[in-house]
Amino acid sequence: MIVNNDSRYGTWTGAEIEQFLTTTSIPMRISVTTANGPLIVPLWYTYRDQRLWACSPKDSLLARSLIPDSNIAFDISTNDIPYKGVRGRGQFARIDSGGRQQLQELLTRYLGDTDNDLSQWLLSRADHEAILTFRISWITSWDFTARMQDVARRPAGGGNLPE
């Protein structure tokens, strides 16, 4: 599927969806059906060339559960009021080389740079990363900004955590 800039997919046009996917640093949640049942995994992603790009260790449950051309579902949405985002379906492909470069791109996108302990730890094992790509076959968007104007903004989460 090609997301056309002027076509409407739910609330937003293709151009608005593309802007949301490229400027919002929210992990995507993907769902895949495994032999043991559904699996939902949050992943850092980038969006380019009409695809979602991520990475995961080659031996991770996610990477082992996805088979070439398998169907996935995804959700990329805000956790805070007003709720908005995109969701869709697509097909998966795995690339076993180039994971280090993809990981560096993701670390820069989500953490700002790679000059931190988490980035250094992840990069120390980057040779074991596989690139995961998701070709979008269906997509829609929603934006509850107008209907939630009078709702108090609360931080995501809630409840009290045990000490």
N, C-alpha and C. Protein backbone atom coordinates (compact mmCIF):
# COMPACT_ATOMS: atom_id res chain seq x y z
N MET A 1 0.85 -1.18 0.00
CA MET A 1 0.00 0.00 0.00
C MET A 1 0.89 1.23 0.00
N ILE A 2 0.53 2.19 -0.79
CA ILE A 2 1.22 3.47 -0.78
C ILE A 2 0.30 4.48 -0.11
N VAL A 3 0.82 5.14 0.92
CA VAL A 3 0.05 6.17 1.62
C VAL A 3 0.18 7.45 0.80
N ASN A 4 -0.92 7.86 0.18
CA ASN A 4 -0.93 9.06 -0.65
C ASN A 4 -1.14 10.30 0.21
N ASN A 5 -0.35 11.32 -0.03
CA ASN A 5 -0.40 12.54 0.78
C ASN A 5 -1.79 13.16 0.87
N ASP A 6 -2.53 13.18 -0.22
CA ASP A 6 -3.82 13.88 -0.24
C ASP A 6 -5.01 12.99 0.14
N SER A 7 -4.81 11.69 0.20
CA SER A 7 -5.91 10.79 0.57
C SER A 7 -6.12 10.81 2.07
N ARG A 8 -7.35 10.56 2.47
CA ARG A 8 -7.70 10.54 3.89
C ARG A 8 -7.73 9.10 4.37
N TYR A 9 -7.10 8.88 5.52
CA TYR A 9 -7.06 7.57 6.17
C TYR A 9 -7.57 7.78 7.59
N GLY A 10 -8.87 7.66 7.77
CA GLY A 10 -9.46 8.02 9.06
C GLY A 10 -9.50 9.53 9.17
N THR A 11 -9.05 10.05 10.29
CA THR A 11 -9.08 11.48 10.55
C THR A 11 -8.08 12.27 9.72
N TRP A 12 -6.91 11.72 9.50
CA TRP A 12 -5.80 12.46 8.88
C TRP A 12 -5.58 12.08 7.42
N THR A 13 -4.94 13.00 6.71
CA THR A 13 -4.49 12.71 5.35
C THR A 13 -3.19 11.91 5.44
N GLY A 14 -2.77 11.37 4.32
CA GLY A 14 -1.50 10.66 4.27
C GLY A 14 -0.34 11.55 4.69
N ALA A 15 -0.37 12.83 4.30
CA ALA A 15 0.70 13.76 4.69
C ALA A 15 0.72 13.96 6.20
N GLU A 16 -0.46 14.06 6.81
CA GLU A 16 -0.52 14.22 8.27
C GLU A 16 -0.06 12.97 9.01
N ILE A 17 -0.40 11.81 8.47
CA ILE A 17 0.08 10.55 9.05
C ILE A 17 1.60 10.49 8.97
N GLU A 18 2.13 10.80 7.81
CA GLU A 18 3.58 10.78 7.63
C GLU A 18 4.28 11.75 8.58
N GLN A 19 3.71 12.93 8.76
CA GLN A 19 4.29 13.90 9.70
C GLN A 19 4.27 13.34 11.13
N PHE A 20 3.15 12.74 11.54
CA PHE A 20 3.04 12.15 12.87
C PHE A 20 4.09 11.04 13.05
N LEU A 21 4.22 10.17 12.06
CA LEU A 21 5.15 9.04 12.17
C LEU A 21 6.61 9.46 12.18
N THR A 22 6.92 10.56 11.53
CA THR A 22 8.32 10.99 11.46
C THR A 22 8.72 11.95 12.57
N THR A 23 7.75 12.61 13.20
CA THR A 23 8.11 13.61 14.23
C THR A 23 7.78 13.19 15.65
N THR A 24 7.00 12.14 15.83
CA THR A 24 6.59 11.71 17.16
C THR A 24 7.45 10.53 17.59
N SER A 25 8.08 10.65 18.74
CA SER A 25 8.94 9.58 19.25
C SER A 25 8.19 8.74 20.28
N ILE A 26 7.20 8.03 19.81
CA ILE A 26 6.41 7.12 20.63
C ILE A 26 6.72 5.72 20.14
N PRO A 27 7.04 4.78 21.02
CA PRO A 27 7.25 3.42 20.53
C PRO A 27 5.98 2.87 19.88
N MET A 28 6.16 2.10 18.83
CA MET A 28 5.01 1.41 18.25
C MET A 28 4.81 0.11 19.01
N ARG A 29 3.59 -0.31 19.04
CA ARG A 29 3.26 -1.61 19.62
C ARG A 29 2.88 -2.50 18.45
N ILE A 30 3.54 -3.64 18.35
CA ILE A 30 3.17 -4.56 17.28
C ILE A 30 2.61 -5.83 17.90
N SER A 31 1.74 -6.45 17.15
CA SER A 31 1.11 -7.69 17.58
C SER A 31 1.32 -8.73 16.49
N VAL A 32 1.72 -9.90 16.92
CA VAL A 32 1.91 -11.02 16.00
C VAL A 32 1.34 -12.26 16.67
N THR A 33 0.81 -13.16 15.87
CA THR A 33 0.28 -14.41 16.40
C THR A 33 1.38 -15.46 16.36
N THR A 34 1.66 -16.07 17.51
CA THR A 34 2.67 -17.11 17.61
C THR A 34 1.98 -18.45 17.86
N ALA A 35 2.76 -19.50 17.89
CA ALA A 35 2.22 -20.83 18.18
C ALA A 35 1.60 -20.88 19.57
N ASN A 36 2.09 -20.03 20.48
CA ASN A 36 1.58 -20.00 21.85
C ASN A 36 0.52 -18.93 22.08
N GLY A 37 0.12 -18.25 21.02
CA GLY A 37 -0.89 -17.21 21.15
C GLY A 37 -0.36 -15.85 20.75
N PRO A 38 -1.15 -14.79 20.95
CA PRO A 38 -0.74 -13.45 20.53
C PRO A 38 0.45 -12.94 21.35
N LEU A 39 1.28 -12.14 20.69
CA LEU A 39 2.42 -11.50 21.32
C LEU A 39 2.35 -10.01 20.97
N ILE A 40 2.41 -9.15 21.98
CA ILE A 40 2.41 -7.70 21.76
C ILE A 40 3.74 -7.17 22.29
N VAL A 41 4.45 -6.41 21.45
CA VAL A 41 5.78 -5.92 21.79
C VAL A 41 5.90 -4.45 21.44
N PRO A 42 6.40 -3.61 22.37
CA PRO A 42 6.70 -2.22 22.02
C PRO A 42 8.08 -2.16 21.37
N LEU A 43 8.19 -1.36 20.32
CA LEU A 43 9.45 -1.22 19.60
C LEU A 43 9.69 0.24 19.23
N TRP A 44 10.92 0.68 19.33
CA TRP A 44 11.29 1.95 18.73
C TRP A 44 11.28 1.75 17.22
N TYR A 45 10.89 2.77 16.49
CA TYR A 45 10.78 2.64 15.04
C TYR A 45 11.21 3.93 14.35
N THR A 46 11.46 3.83 13.07
CA THR A 46 11.55 4.98 12.17
C THR A 46 10.60 4.69 11.02
N TYR A 47 10.18 5.74 10.35
CA TYR A 47 9.30 5.60 9.19
C TYR A 47 10.00 6.22 8.00
N ARG A 48 10.21 5.42 6.96
CA ARG A 48 10.79 5.93 5.72
C ARG A 48 10.44 4.95 4.60
N ASP A 49 10.38 5.48 3.42
CA ASP A 49 10.09 4.66 2.24
C ASP A 49 8.80 3.85 2.39
N GLN A 50 7.78 4.47 3.02
CA GLN A 50 6.48 3.83 3.18
C GLN A 50 6.53 2.57 4.04
N ARG A 51 7.54 2.46 4.90
CA ARG A 51 7.69 1.30 5.79
C ARG A 51 8.04 1.77 7.20
N LEU A 52 7.73 0.91 8.16
CA LEU A 52 8.17 1.09 9.53
C LEU A 52 9.43 0.23 9.70
N TRP A 53 10.47 0.80 10.29
CA TRP A 53 11.75 0.11 10.47
C TRP A 53 12.06 0.04 11.96
N ALA A 54 12.51 -1.11 12.41
CA ALA A 54 12.87 -1.31 13.81
C ALA A 54 14.04 -2.29 13.85
N CYS A 55 14.44 -2.68 15.03
CA CYS A 55 15.41 -3.76 15.16
C CYS A 55 15.20 -4.47 16.48
N SER A 56 15.72 -5.69 16.54
CA SER A 56 15.59 -6.53 17.72
C SER A 56 16.71 -7.56 17.67
N PRO A 57 17.18 -8.03 18.81
CA PRO A 57 18.19 -9.09 18.76
C PRO A 57 17.69 -10.28 17.94
N LYS A 58 18.59 -10.86 17.16
CA LYS A 58 18.21 -11.97 16.28
C LYS A 58 17.60 -13.14 17.03
N ASP A 59 18.00 -13.32 18.29
CA ASP A 59 17.50 -14.46 19.05
C ASP A 59 16.35 -14.09 19.99
N SER A 60 15.81 -12.87 19.86
CA SER A 60 14.70 -12.45 20.72
C SER A 60 13.44 -13.24 20.38
N LEU A 61 12.53 -13.31 21.34
CA LEU A 61 11.25 -13.99 21.09
C LEU A 61 10.55 -13.37 19.89
N LEU A 62 10.59 -12.05 19.80
CA LEU A 62 9.93 -11.38 18.67
C LEU A 62 10.55 -11.82 17.35
N ALA A 63 11.87 -11.71 17.23
CA ALA A 63 12.54 -12.05 15.97
C ALA A 63 12.33 -13.53 15.62
N ARG A 64 12.30 -14.39 16.61
CA ARG A 64 12.07 -15.81 16.35
C ARG A 64 10.61 -16.11 16.00
N SER A 65 9.69 -15.27 16.48
CA SER A 65 8.26 -15.50 16.25
C SER A 65 7.79 -15.02 14.89
N LEU A 66 8.47 -14.04 14.34
CA LEU A 66 8.07 -13.49 13.05
C LEU A 66 8.65 -14.33 11.93
N ILE A 67 7.81 -14.72 11.02
CA ILE A 67 8.28 -15.45 9.85
C ILE A 67 8.12 -14.53 8.64
N PRO A 68 8.97 -14.69 7.63
CA PRO A 68 8.89 -13.79 6.46
C PRO A 68 7.47 -13.69 5.91
N ASP A 69 7.11 -12.47 5.57
CA ASP A 69 5.80 -12.15 5.00
C ASP A 69 4.65 -12.42 5.97
N SER A 70 4.96 -12.59 7.27
CA SER A 70 3.88 -12.81 8.22
C SER A 70 3.14 -11.50 8.47
N ASN A 71 1.90 -11.62 8.86
CA ASN A 71 1.07 -10.46 9.13
C ASN A 71 1.29 -9.96 10.54
N ILE A 72 1.32 -8.66 10.69
CA ILE A 72 1.42 -8.01 11.99
C ILE A 72 0.34 -6.94 12.06
N ALA A 73 0.04 -6.52 13.27
CA ALA A 73 -0.79 -5.33 13.48
C ALA A 73 0.06 -4.38 14.30
N PHE A 74 -0.17 -3.07 14.12
CA PHE A 74 0.62 -2.10 14.87
C PHE A 74 -0.26 -0.96 15.35
N ASP A 75 0.21 -0.30 16.40
CA ASP A 75 -0.44 0.87 16.97
C ASP A 75 0.65 1.83 17.38
N ILE A 76 0.53 3.08 16.95
CA ILE A 76 1.43 4.15 17.37
C ILE A 76 0.53 5.28 17.81
N SER A 77 0.38 5.44 19.13
CA SER A 77 -0.58 6.42 19.63
C SER A 77 -0.07 7.04 20.92
N THR A 78 -0.59 8.24 21.18
CA THR A 78 -0.20 8.95 22.40
C THR A 78 -0.81 8.27 23.62
N ASN A 79 -0.12 8.39 24.73
CA ASN A 79 -0.61 7.83 25.99
C ASN A 79 -1.27 8.90 26.85
N ASP A 80 -1.09 10.14 26.48
CA ASP A 80 -1.66 11.25 27.24
C ASP A 80 -2.80 11.89 26.46
N ILE A 81 -3.70 12.50 27.18
CA ILE A 81 -4.82 13.22 26.59
C ILE A 81 -4.27 14.45 25.87
N PRO A 82 -4.73 14.78 24.68
CA PRO A 82 -5.79 14.14 23.90
C PRO A 82 -5.20 12.95 23.12
N TYR A 83 -5.93 11.87 23.09
CA TYR A 83 -5.47 10.67 22.42
C TYR A 83 -5.53 10.85 20.91
N LYS A 84 -4.49 10.39 20.25
CA LYS A 84 -4.44 10.43 18.79
C LYS A 84 -3.36 9.46 18.33
N GLY A 85 -3.45 9.04 17.09
CA GLY A 85 -2.44 8.14 16.58
C GLY A 85 -2.86 7.44 15.32
N VAL A 86 -2.08 6.41 14.99
CA VAL A 86 -2.36 5.59 13.81
C VAL A 86 -2.28 4.12 14.20
N ARG A 87 -2.99 3.32 13.48
CA ARG A 87 -2.89 1.88 13.64
C ARG A 87 -3.07 1.26 12.27
N GLY A 88 -2.63 0.03 12.17
CA GLY A 88 -2.74 -0.61 10.88
C GLY A 88 -2.28 -2.04 10.91
N ARG A 89 -2.13 -2.57 9.71
CA ARG A 89 -1.66 -3.92 9.52
C ARG A 89 -0.57 -3.90 8.45
N GLY A 90 0.23 -4.94 8.45
CA GLY A 90 1.28 -5.02 7.45
C GLY A 90 1.95 -6.38 7.43
N GLN A 91 2.97 -6.50 6.60
CA GLN A 91 3.73 -7.73 6.49
C GLN A 91 5.16 -7.45 6.94
N PHE A 92 5.76 -8.46 7.55
CA PHE A 92 7.07 -8.36 8.15
C PHE A 92 8.14 -8.92 7.23
N ALA A 93 9.33 -8.32 7.30
CA ALA A 93 10.52 -8.89 6.68
C ALA A 93 11.68 -8.66 7.64
N ARG A 94 12.65 -9.56 7.61
CA ARG A 94 13.81 -9.50 8.51
C ARG A 94 15.08 -9.43 7.68
N ILE A 95 15.99 -8.55 8.10
CA ILE A 95 17.28 -8.41 7.45
C ILE A 95 18.33 -8.64 8.53
N ASP A 96 19.18 -9.64 8.34
CA ASP A 96 20.13 -10.01 9.38
C ASP A 96 21.43 -9.22 9.37
N SER A 97 21.61 -8.32 8.40
CA SER A 97 22.82 -7.48 8.39
C SER A 97 22.41 -6.02 8.48
N GLY A 98 23.31 -5.20 8.97
CA GLY A 98 23.05 -3.76 9.06
C GLY A 98 22.33 -3.34 10.32
N GLY A 99 22.19 -4.24 11.27
CA GLY A 99 21.47 -3.92 12.50
C GLY A 99 22.10 -2.80 13.31
N ARG A 100 23.44 -2.71 13.28
CA ARG A 100 24.12 -1.66 14.04
C ARG A 100 23.69 -0.27 13.56
N GLN A 101 23.66 -0.06 12.27
CA GLN A 101 23.27 1.24 11.71
C GLN A 101 21.82 1.58 12.07
N GLN A 102 20.93 0.60 11.96
CA GLN A 102 19.52 0.82 12.31
C GLN A 102 19.40 1.14 13.79
N LEU A 103 20.13 0.42 14.64
CA LEU A 103 20.09 0.67 16.08
C LEU A 103 20.59 2.07 16.40
N GLN A 104 21.68 2.50 15.77
CA GLN A 104 22.19 3.86 16.00
C GLN A 104 21.15 4.92 15.61
N GLU A 105 20.47 4.69 14.50
CA GLU A 105 19.42 5.63 14.07
C GLU A 105 18.30 5.69 15.11
N LEU A 106 17.90 4.54 15.64
CA LEU A 106 16.83 4.51 16.64
C LEU A 106 17.27 5.17 17.95
N LEU A 107 18.49 4.91 18.38
CA LEU A 107 18.99 5.52 19.61
C LEU A 107 19.03 7.04 19.49
N THR A 108 19.46 7.54 18.36
CA THR A 108 19.50 8.99 18.14
C THR A 108 18.09 9.56 18.11
N ARG A 109 17.18 8.87 17.46
CA ARG A 109 15.78 9.35 17.38
C ARG A 109 15.12 9.41 18.75
N TYR A 110 15.31 8.39 19.58
CA TYR A 110 14.59 8.31 20.85
C TYR A 110 15.36 8.89 22.03
N LEU A 111 16.68 8.88 21.99
CA LEU A 111 17.47 9.37 23.13
C LEU A 111 18.23 10.66 22.82
N GLY A 112 18.23 11.07 21.58
CA GLY A 112 18.90 12.32 21.21
C GLY A 112 20.33 12.10 20.73
N ASP A 113 21.03 11.13 21.28
CA ASP A 113 22.39 10.80 20.86
C ASP A 113 22.74 9.42 21.42
N THR A 114 23.98 9.02 21.25
CA THR A 114 24.41 7.72 21.76
C THR A 114 25.42 7.87 22.88
N ASP A 115 25.51 9.06 23.45
CA ASP A 115 26.46 9.34 24.53
C ASP A 115 25.79 9.12 25.89
N ASN A 116 25.39 7.88 26.15
CA ASN A 116 24.77 7.52 27.42
C ASN A 116 24.97 6.02 27.65
N ASP A 117 24.81 5.60 28.89
CA ASP A 117 25.07 4.20 29.24
C ASP A 117 24.17 3.22 28.50
N LEU A 118 22.88 3.54 28.37
CA LEU A 118 21.98 2.62 27.68
C LEU A 118 22.42 2.42 26.23
N SER A 119 22.72 3.51 25.54
CA SER A 119 23.15 3.41 24.15
C SER A 119 24.42 2.59 24.03
N GLN A 120 25.38 2.84 24.90
CA GLN A 120 26.65 2.12 24.84
C GLN A 120 26.45 0.62 25.10
N TRP A 121 25.56 0.29 26.03
CA TRP A 121 25.28 -1.12 26.30
C TRP A 121 24.62 -1.78 25.09
N LEU A 122 23.62 -1.11 24.52
CA LEU A 122 22.93 -1.68 23.36
C LEU A 122 23.88 -1.81 22.17
N LEU A 123 24.71 -0.79 21.95
CA LEU A 123 25.65 -0.85 20.83
C LEU A 123 26.73 -1.92 21.02
N SER A 124 27.03 -2.25 22.28
CA SER A 124 28.05 -3.27 22.54
C SER A 124 27.61 -4.65 22.05
N ARG A 125 26.33 -4.83 21.85
CA ARG A 125 25.82 -6.12 21.36
C ARG A 125 25.11 -5.96 20.01
N ALA A 126 25.41 -4.89 19.31
CA ALA A 126 24.71 -4.56 18.06
C ALA A 126 24.96 -5.56 16.94
N ASP A 127 26.03 -6.33 17.01
CA ASP A 127 26.27 -7.32 15.96
C ASP A 127 25.21 -8.41 15.95
N HIS A 128 24.43 -8.49 17.01
CA HIS A 128 23.38 -9.50 17.12
C HIS A 128 21.99 -8.93 16.77
N GLU A 129 21.95 -7.69 16.29
CA GLU A 129 20.66 -7.05 15.96
C GLU A 129 20.23 -7.39 14.54
N ALA A 130 18.95 -7.65 14.38
CA ALA A 130 18.36 -7.83 13.06
C ALA A 130 17.47 -6.63 12.77
N ILE A 131 17.43 -6.21 11.54
CA ILE A 131 16.52 -5.15 11.12
C ILE A 131 15.16 -5.77 10.86
N LEU A 132 14.12 -5.16 11.40
CA LEU A 132 12.76 -5.61 11.17
C LEU A 132 12.06 -4.53 10.35
N THR A 133 11.47 -4.89 9.24
CA THR A 133 10.73 -3.92 8.43
C THR A 133 9.28 -4.39 8.32
N PHE A 134 8.40 -3.42 8.26
CA PHE A 134 6.98 -3.70 8.19
C PHE A 134 6.39 -2.90 7.03
N ARG A 135 5.94 -3.62 6.01
CA ARG A 135 5.28 -2.99 4.86
C ARG A 135 3.81 -2.83 5.21
N ILE A 136 3.33 -1.61 5.17
CA ILE A 136 1.95 -1.31 5.57
C ILE A 136 0.98 -1.75 4.48
N SER A 137 -0.05 -2.51 4.89
CA SER A 137 -1.08 -2.93 3.94
C SER A 137 -2.41 -2.23 4.21
N TRP A 138 -2.59 -1.70 5.41
CA TRP A 138 -3.80 -0.96 5.78
C TRP A 138 -3.42 -0.02 6.92
N ILE A 139 -3.95 1.20 6.88
CA ILE A 139 -3.63 2.18 7.92
C ILE A 139 -4.84 3.09 8.14
N THR A 140 -5.01 3.54 9.37
CA THR A 140 -6.04 4.52 9.70
C THR A 140 -5.50 5.41 10.81
N SER A 141 -6.17 6.52 11.04
CA SER A 141 -5.74 7.46 12.07
C SER A 141 -6.96 7.93 12.85
N TRP A 142 -6.69 8.45 14.03
CA TRP A 142 -7.73 9.07 14.84
C TRP A 142 -7.11 10.20 15.64
N ASP A 143 -7.93 11.16 16.01
CA ASP A 143 -7.47 12.32 16.78
C ASP A 143 -8.65 12.81 17.59
N PHE A 144 -8.59 12.63 18.90
CA PHE A 144 -9.67 13.02 19.80
C PHE A 144 -9.46 14.40 20.40
N THR A 145 -8.59 15.22 19.81
CA THR A 145 -8.29 16.54 20.35
C THR A 145 -9.55 17.37 20.52
N ALA A 146 -10.39 17.44 19.50
CA ALA A 146 -11.59 18.28 19.56
C ALA A 146 -12.57 17.77 20.63
N ARG A 147 -12.77 16.49 20.72
CA ARG A 147 -13.75 15.97 21.68
C ARG A 147 -13.22 15.91 23.11
N MET A 148 -11.93 16.12 23.30
CA MET A 148 -11.35 16.03 24.64
C MET A 148 -10.87 17.39 25.15
N GLN A 149 -11.30 18.48 24.55
CA GLN A 149 -10.83 19.81 24.94
C GLN A 149 -11.12 20.14 26.39
N ASP A 150 -12.24 19.67 26.92
CA ASP A 150 -12.60 20.03 28.29
C ASP A 150 -12.21 18.95 29.31
N VAL A 151 -11.42 17.97 28.89
CA VAL A 151 -10.99 16.91 29.79
C VAL A 151 -9.67 17.31 30.43
N ALA A 152 -9.59 17.13 31.73
CA ALA A 152 -8.35 17.46 32.45
C ALA A 152 -7.21 16.59 31.95
N ARG A 153 -6.09 17.20 31.75
CA ARG A 153 -4.91 16.45 31.31
C ARG A 153 -4.29 15.78 32.52
N ARG A 154 -4.09 14.50 32.39
CA ARG A 154 -3.45 13.72 33.45
C ARG A 154 -2.25 13.00 32.85
N PRO A 155 -1.20 12.83 33.63
CA PRO A 155 -0.05 12.08 33.09
C PRO A 155 -0.43 10.62 32.85
N ALA A 156 0.27 10.01 31.91
CA ALA A 156 0.04 8.59 31.63
C ALA A 156 0.35 7.76 32.86
N GLY A 157 -0.22 6.60 32.91
CA GLY A 157 0.03 5.71 34.06
C GLY A 157 -1.10 5.84 35.04
N GLY A 158 -0.79 6.22 36.23
CA GLY A 158 -1.79 6.39 37.25
C GLY A 158 -1.57 5.41 38.38
N GLY A 159 -2.29 5.60 39.42
CA GLY A 159 -2.16 4.71 40.56
C GLY A 159 -0.87 4.96 41.32
N ASN A 160 -0.81 4.42 42.47
CA ASN A 160 0.39 4.56 43.28
C ASN A 160 1.20 3.27 43.20
N LEU A 161 2.48 3.44 42.99
CA LEU A 161 3.36 2.28 42.92
C LEU A 161 3.83 1.93 44.33
N PRO A 162 3.98 0.65 44.61
CA PRO A 162 4.50 0.27 45.93
C PRO A 162 5.93 0.75 46.10
N GLU A 163 6.28 1.09 47.30
CA GLU A 163 7.66 1.56 47.55
C GLU A 163 8.56 0.44 47.92
